Amino acid sequence: MNKLAVNLVISEKLKDSRLVETGIYTTIETIIQAQQAAMLAVIASTSAVATTTTT
């Protein structure tokens, strides 16, 4: 969260804060993609365990 706070402070000081906003959006997108990958890994491993258990 410190990085987000720094980005927000810098964006307030800059006249053109679009560059900082782009960085924030990129960071958020990366976090969302990592969460989705982790969720898919859990679903895949749960499915594998369920298949192994039932056979």
PDB file of N, CA and C in Angstrom:
ATOM      1  N   MET A   1       0.811  -1.195   0.000  1.00  0.00           N
ATOM      2  CA  MET A   1       0.000   0.000   0.000  1.00  0.00           C
ATOM      3  C   MET A   1       0.853   1.258   0.000  1.00  0.00           C
ATOM      4  N   ASN A   2       2.106   1.164   0.417  1.00  0.00           N
ATOM      5  CA  ASN A   2       2.957   2.344   0.427  1.00  0.00           C
ATOM      6  C   ASN A   2       3.167   2.890  -0.975  1.00  0.00           C
ATOM      7  N   LYS A   3       3.281   1.989  -1.953  1.00  0.00           N
ATOM      8  CA  LYS A   3       3.479   2.419  -3.334  1.00  0.00           C
ATOM      9  C   LYS A   3       2.276   3.220  -3.820  1.00  0.00           C
ATOM     10  N   LEU A   4       1.092   2.779  -3.464  1.00  0.00           N
ATOM     11  CA  LEU A   4      -0.119   3.491  -3.856  1.00  0.00           C
ATOM     12  C   LEU A   4      -0.148   4.874  -3.224  1.00  0.00           C
ATOM     13  N   ALA A   5       0.236   4.971  -1.965  1.00  0.00           N
ATOM     14  CA  ALA A   5       0.263   6.268  -1.283  1.00  0.00           C
ATOM     15  C   ALA A   5       1.253   7.210  -1.954  1.00  0.00           C
ATOM     16  N   VAL A   6       2.424   6.689  -2.316  1.00  0.00           N
ATOM     17  CA  VAL A   6       3.428   7.511  -3.001  1.00  0.00           C
ATOM     18  C   VAL A   6       2.900   7.973  -4.345  1.00  0.00           C
ATOM     19  N   ASN A   7       2.254   7.079  -5.091  1.00  0.00           N
ATOM     20  CA  ASN A   7       1.688   7.458  -6.389  1.00  0.00           C
ATOM     21  C   ASN A   7       0.644   8.558  -6.237  1.00  0.00           C
ATOM     22  N   LEU A   8      -0.176   8.458  -5.203  1.00  0.00           N
ATOM     23  CA  LEU A   8      -1.204   9.468  -4.997  1.00  0.00           C
ATOM     24  C   LEU A   8      -0.600  10.819  -4.639  1.00  0.00           C
ATOM     25  N   VAL A   9       0.435  10.815  -3.821  1.00  0.00           N
ATOM     26  CA  VAL A   9       1.091  12.073  -3.448  1.00  0.00           C
ATOM     27  C   VAL A   9       1.756  12.701  -4.663  1.00  0.00           C
ATOM     28  N   ILE A  10       2.445  11.889  -5.457  1.00  0.00           N
ATOM     29  CA  ILE A  10       3.116  12.408  -6.650  1.00  0.00           C
ATOM     30  C   ILE A  10       2.104  12.941  -7.651  1.00  0.00           C
ATOM     31  N   SER A  11       0.992  12.230  -7.814  1.00  0.00           N
ATOM     32  CA  SER A  11      -0.013  12.683  -8.775  1.00  0.00           C
ATOM     33  C   SER A  11      -0.600  14.036  -8.376  1.00  0.00           C
ATOM     34  N   GLU A  12      -0.655  14.314  -7.073  1.00  0.00           N
ATOM     35  CA  GLU A  12      -1.128  15.618  -6.624  1.00  0.00           C
ATOM     36  C   GLU A  12      -0.131  16.713  -6.961  1.00  0.00           C
ATOM     37  N   LYS A  13       1.170  16.391  -6.971  1.00  0.00           N
ATOM     38  CA  LYS A  13       2.211  17.389  -7.209  1.00  0.00           C
ATOM     39  C   LYS A  13       2.442  17.638  -8.700  1.00  0.00           C
ATOM     40  N   LEU A  14       2.157  16.657  -9.534  1.00  0.00           N
ATOM     41  CA  LEU A  14       2.397  16.793 -10.966  1.00  0.00           C
ATOM     42  C   LEU A  14       1.252  17.523 -11.646  1.00  0.00           C
ATOM     43  N   LYS A  15       1.585  18.282 -12.674  1.00  0.00           N
ATOM     44  CA  LYS A  15       0.541  18.940 -13.448  1.00  0.00           C
ATOM     45  C   LYS A  15      -0.179  17.938 -14.339  1.00  0.00           C
ATOM     46  N   ASP A  16       0.576  16.978 -14.885  1.00  0.00           N
ATOM     47  CA  ASP A  16      -0.007  15.945 -15.741  1.00  0.00           C
ATOM     48  C   ASP A  16       0.075  14.621 -14.996  1.00  0.00           C
ATOM     49  N   SER A  17      -0.980  14.280 -14.283  1.00  0.00           N
ATOM     50  CA  SER A  17      -0.955  13.085 -13.435  1.00  0.00           C
ATOM     51  C   SER A  17      -1.361  11.823 -14.187  1.00  0.00           C
ATOM     52  N   ARG A  18      -1.579  11.932 -15.498  1.00  0.00           N
ATOM     53  CA  ARG A  18      -1.999  10.743 -16.253  1.00  0.00           C
ATOM     54  C   ARG A  18      -0.933   9.652 -16.238  1.00  0.00           C
ATOM     55  N   LEU A  19       0.341  10.036 -16.186  1.00  0.00           N
ATOM     56  CA  LEU A  19       1.407   9.033 -16.151  1.00  0.00           C
ATOM     57  C   LEU A  19       1.340   8.209 -14.874  1.00  0.00           C
ATOM     58  N   VAL A  20       1.095   8.862 -13.761  1.00  0.00           N
ATOM     59  CA  VAL A  20       0.981   8.152 -12.486  1.00  0.00           C
ATOM     60  C   VAL A  20      -0.269   7.285 -12.483  1.00  0.00           C
ATOM     61  N   GLU A  21      -1.375   7.812 -13.023  1.00  0.00           N
ATOM     62  CA  GLU A  21      -2.617   7.039 -13.073  1.00  0.00           C
ATOM     63  C   GLU A  21      -2.430   5.778 -13.895  1.00  0.00           C
ATOM     64  N   THR A  22      -1.686   5.877 -14.990  1.00  0.00           N
ATOM     65  CA  THR A  22      -1.415   4.702 -15.817  1.00  0.00           C
ATOM     66  C   THR A  22      -0.665   3.649 -15.010  1.00  0.00           C
ATOM     67  N   GLY A  23       0.292   4.088 -14.206  1.00  0.00           N
ATOM     68  CA  GLY A  23       1.045   3.156 -13.357  1.00  0.00           C
ATOM     69  C   GLY A  23       0.154   2.471 -12.342  1.00  0.00           C
ATOM     70  N   ILE A  24      -0.767   3.236 -11.763  1.00  0.00           N
ATOM     71  CA  ILE A  24      -1.684   2.668 -10.775  1.00  0.00           C
ATOM     72  C   ILE A  24      -2.598   1.642 -11.440  1.00  0.00           C
ATOM     73  N   TYR A  25      -3.137   2.002 -12.610  1.00  0.00           N
ATOM     74  CA  TYR A  25      -4.030   1.077 -13.314  1.00  0.00           C
ATOM     75  C   TYR A  25      -3.296  -0.194 -13.723  1.00  0.00           C
ATOM     76  N   THR A  26      -2.042  -0.056 -14.133  1.00  0.00           N
ATOM     77  CA  THR A  26      -1.243  -1.227 -14.504  1.00  0.00           C
ATOM     78  C   THR A  26      -1.022  -2.122 -13.293  1.00  0.00           C
ATOM     79  N   THR A  27      -0.730  -1.520 -12.160  1.00  0.00           N
ATOM     80  CA  THR A  27      -0.522  -2.289 -10.933  1.00  0.00           C
ATOM     81  C   THR A  27      -1.796  -3.020 -10.528  1.00  0.00           C
ATOM     82  N   ILE A  28      -2.918  -2.332 -10.579  1.00  0.00           N
ATOM     83  CA  ILE A  28      -4.201  -2.957 -10.222  1.00  0.00           C
ATOM     84  C   ILE A  28      -4.523  -4.105 -11.170  1.00  0.00           C
ATOM     85  N   GLU A  29      -4.286  -3.897 -12.467  1.00  0.00           N
ATOM     86  CA  GLU A  29      -4.537  -4.957 -13.454  1.00  0.00           C
ATOM     87  C   GLU A  29      -3.666  -6.173 -13.177  1.00  0.00           C
ATOM     88  N   THR A  30      -2.410  -5.950 -12.824  1.00  0.00           N
ATOM     89  CA  THR A  30      -1.498  -7.053 -12.507  1.00  0.00           C
ATOM     90  C   THR A  30      -1.980  -7.828 -11.287  1.00  0.00           C
ATOM     91  N   ILE A  31      -2.440  -7.127 -10.271  1.00  0.00           N
ATOM     92  CA  ILE A  31      -2.954  -7.781  -9.065  1.00  0.00           C
ATOM     93  C   ILE A  31      -4.189  -8.608  -9.387  1.00  0.00           C
ATOM     94  N   ILE A  32      -5.092  -8.061 -10.193  1.00  0.00           N
ATOM     95  CA  ILE A  32      -6.313  -8.786 -10.564  1.00  0.00           C
ATOM     96  C   ILE A  32      -5.964 -10.054 -11.342  1.00  0.00           C
ATOM     97  N   GLN A  33      -5.016  -9.941 -12.272  1.00  0.00           N
ATOM     98  CA  GLN A  33      -4.628 -11.117 -13.047  1.00  0.00           C
ATOM     99  C   GLN A  33      -3.985 -12.172 -12.161  1.00  0.00           C
ATOM    100  N   ALA A  34      -3.188 -11.754 -11.182  1.00  0.00           N
ATOM    101  CA  ALA A  34      -2.574 -12.715 -10.263  1.00  0.00           C
ATOM    102  C   ALA A  34      -3.639 -13.407  -9.414  1.00  0.00           C
ATOM    103  N   GLN A  35      -4.641 -12.656  -8.978  1.00  0.00           N
ATOM    104  CA  GLN A  35      -5.730 -13.252  -8.196  1.00  0.00           C
ATOM    105  C   GLN A  35      -6.512 -14.260  -9.034  1.00  0.00           C
ATOM    106  N   GLN A  36      -6.751 -13.929 -10.300  1.00  0.00           N
ATOM    107  CA  GLN A  36      -7.478 -14.841 -11.179  1.00  0.00           C
ATOM    108  C   GLN A  36      -6.673 -16.112 -11.420  1.00  0.00           C
ATOM    109  N   ALA A  37      -5.365 -15.970 -11.613  1.00  0.00           N
ATOM    110  CA  ALA A  37      -4.515 -17.146 -11.820  1.00  0.00           C
ATOM    111  C   ALA A  37      -4.521 -18.034 -10.574  1.00  0.00           C
ATOM    112  N   ALA A  38      -4.454 -17.419  -9.405  1.00  0.00           N
ATOM    113  CA  ALA A  38      -4.481 -18.192  -8.162  1.00  0.00           C
ATOM    114  C   ALA A  38      -5.816 -18.906  -8.000  1.00  0.00           C
ATOM    115  N   MET A  39      -6.894 -18.235  -8.347  1.00  0.00           N
ATOM    116  CA  MET A  39      -8.218 -18.842  -8.237  1.00  0.00           C
ATOM    117  C   MET A  39      -8.347 -20.038  -9.188  1.00  0.00           C
ATOM    118  N   LEU A  40      -7.863 -19.872 -10.411  1.00  0.00           N
ATOM    119  CA  LEU A  40      -7.915 -20.980 -11.360  1.00  0.00           C
ATOM    120  C   LEU A  40      -7.058 -22.156 -10.893  1.00  0.00           C
ATOM    121  N   ALA A  41      -5.923 -21.872 -10.279  1.00  0.00           N
ATOM    122  CA  ALA A  41      -5.074 -22.949  -9.757  1.00  0.00           C
ATOM    123  C   ALA A  41      -5.791 -23.713  -8.645  1.00  0.00           C
ATOM    124  N   VAL A  42      -6.502 -23.005  -7.784  1.00  0.00           N
ATOM    125  CA  VAL A  42      -7.254 -23.660  -6.709  1.00  0.00           C
ATOM    126  C   VAL A  42      -8.377 -24.514  -7.288  1.00  0.00           C
ATOM    127  N   ILE A  43      -9.083 -23.978  -8.280  1.00  0.00           N
ATOM    128  CA  ILE A  43     -10.168 -24.737  -8.899  1.00  0.00           C
ATOM    129  C   ILE A  43      -9.624 -25.989  -9.578  1.00  0.00           C
ATOM    130  N   ALA A  44      -8.506 -25.843 -10.284  1.00  0.00           N
ATOM    131  CA  ALA A  44      -7.915 -27.000 -10.969  1.00  0.00           C
ATOM    132  C   ALA A  44      -7.445 -28.051  -9.971  1.00  0.00           C
ATOM    133  N   SER A  45      -6.815 -27.615  -8.888  1.00  0.00           N
ATOM    134  CA  SER A  45      -6.333 -28.596  -7.906  1.00  0.00           C
ATOM    135  C   SER A  45      -7.494 -29.249  -7.169  1.00  0.00           C
ATOM    136  N   THR A  46      -8.541 -28.494  -6.896  1.00  0.00           N
ATOM    137  CA  THR A  46      -9.727 -29.072  -6.247  1.00  0.00           C
ATOM    138  C   THR A  46     -10.392 -30.086  -7.160  1.00  0.00           C
ATOM    139  N   SER A  47     -10.467 -29.778  -8.438  1.00  0.00           N
ATOM    140  CA  SER A  47     -11.054 -30.717  -9.399  1.00  0.00           C
ATOM    141  C   SER A  47     -10.213 -31.984  -9.503  1.00  0.00           C
ATOM    142  N   ALA A  48      -8.897 -31.826  -9.489  1.00  0.00           N
ATOM    143  CA  ALA A  48      -8.007 -32.993  -9.565  1.00  0.00           C
ATOM    144  C   ALA A  48      -8.174 -33.875  -8.341  1.00  0.00           C
ATOM    145  N   VAL A  49      -8.270 -33.265  -7.175  1.00  0.00           N
ATOM    146  CA  VAL A  49      -8.462 -34.035  -5.936  1.00  0.00           C
ATOM    147  C   VAL A  49      -9.817 -34.728  -5.955  1.00  0.00           C
ATOM    148  N   ALA A  50     -10.848 -34.054  -6.406  1.00  0.00           N
ATOM    149  CA  ALA A  50     -12.182 -34.644  -6.451  1.00  0.00           C
ATOM    150  C   ALA A  50     -12.212 -35.817  -7.411  1.00  0.00           C
ATOM    151  N   THR A  51     -11.537 -35.684  -8.558  1.00  0.00           N
ATOM    152  CA  THR A  51     -11.494 -36.772  -9.522  1.00  0.00           C
ATOM    153  C   THR A  51     -10.726 -37.965  -8.971  1.00  0.00           C
ATOM    154  N   THR A  52      -9.626 -37.704  -8.286  1.00  0.00           N
ATOM    155  CA  THR A  52      -8.828 -38.768  -7.703  1.00  0.00           C
ATOM    156  C   THR A  52      -9.589 -39.485  -6.585  1.00  0.00           C
ATOM    157  N   THR A  53     -10.329 -38.757  -5.814  1.00  0.00           N
ATOM    158  CA  THR A  53     -11.076 -39.301  -4.678  1.00  0.00           C
ATOM    159  C   THR A  53     -12.227 -40.192  -5.146  1.00  0.00           C
ATOM    160  N   THR A  54     -12.878 -39.826  -6.234  1.00  0.00           N
ATOM    161  CA  THR A  54     -14.049 -40.576  -6.673  1.00  0.00           C
ATOM    162  C   THR A  54     -13.685 -41.824  -7.481  1.00  0.00           C
ATOM    163  N   THR A  55     -12.452 -41.915  -7.925  1.00  0.00           N
ATOM    164  CA  THR A  55     -12.085 -43.107  -8.717  1.00  0.00           C
ATOM    165  C   THR A  55     -11.411 -44.153  -7.897  1.00  0.00           C
TER     166      THR A  55
END
